[in-house]
Amino acid sequence: MSEQGREPSARERLADERSRAAARQRRQRLMLVVLGALAVAAVAVVVAVVALTRDGKKPLENSYKGALAPATRQRDGSVAMAQPGVASPVLDVWEDFQCPACKAMEERIGATMKQLAAQGRLKVVYRPFQLFQQDPLMANSRRAANAAACMPADHWVRYHDKLYAEQPPEGRTGFADQDLIGWAEQLGVTAPSFAGCVRGNQKIKTVDQASAQAGRAGIDATPYLALNGKKVAGDVLASPDDLRKAVADAGGGSPAPGSTQSSATAGGEAAGTA
């Protein structure tokens, strides 16, 4: 009988079955490894989400309920938030509204900045600019920064928070003109001049100047915080208590005369900083 027509022997059949069983076991082990990796990745995502939302955090626009210190637009286009007469310490906040790390920082210590400013302990200077250089991030950043530059100073801080609350995911086109205008209307800014400023990119020169200023200052990443001109340590970006300590060490431990410092004002911070 030819080799081709010969029936496999019992030994050959057994060897073949063993080979098939071993292959199945390898596939099962591989599947367990893949599923385990997916489970670890899922846990990491959950941990990241919980880290940003623990302590009962609410959306950015609702995170601080207390009275805000007055905001004024400065000659270079930045916006200063401080009680009258408070000139120091100064916290410069370099940020990009499309930057996820900036949003995370705002969620952690943004309310603390507002409270310290309301108490007359700190002058906060917001310096939004365009960091990203590739679309769609770059265009998102420019539209948001232009709209912020169009916003009247008395509504600016709330609009700042709204932009972060509505930040589009990385890689997606967002901050559409109609949305930027609609969010302003929610805050009571309904003047046609604002809508025209947004649609016409009328403040894009201010955005470009801010970006150039950031470049001259050596700001190559966001968020970047400088207290009295000195970059603050990374732990301050994540800890309300560390920010308070840094401000106190910089000379902002005592409220300015006549500033807002009541417990009612302080209570507005609780939802956004613990």
Foldseek 3Di string as FASTA:
>chain_A
DDPVPDDDDPVVVVVVVVVVVVVVVVVVVVVVVVVVVVVVVVVVVVVVVCLQCPLQADQQLQQFDFDFAAWDQDPLLKIKTAHPPQDDFEKEWEDFLQDPLQLSLCLAAVNLVRLLRLLRLYMYIYQYAQQDDDPPNRVLRLLLSQLLSLDDRRCNVSLSSVSNSQRDDPPDHDPDLVVSQVVVVVVVPNDVSSSCSSVVSVCSVSRVSSVVVCVVLVNNDPGWMATSNHTDDPVCSRASVVVLVVSVVRPRVHGDPPGDDDVVNVVSNSNRHD
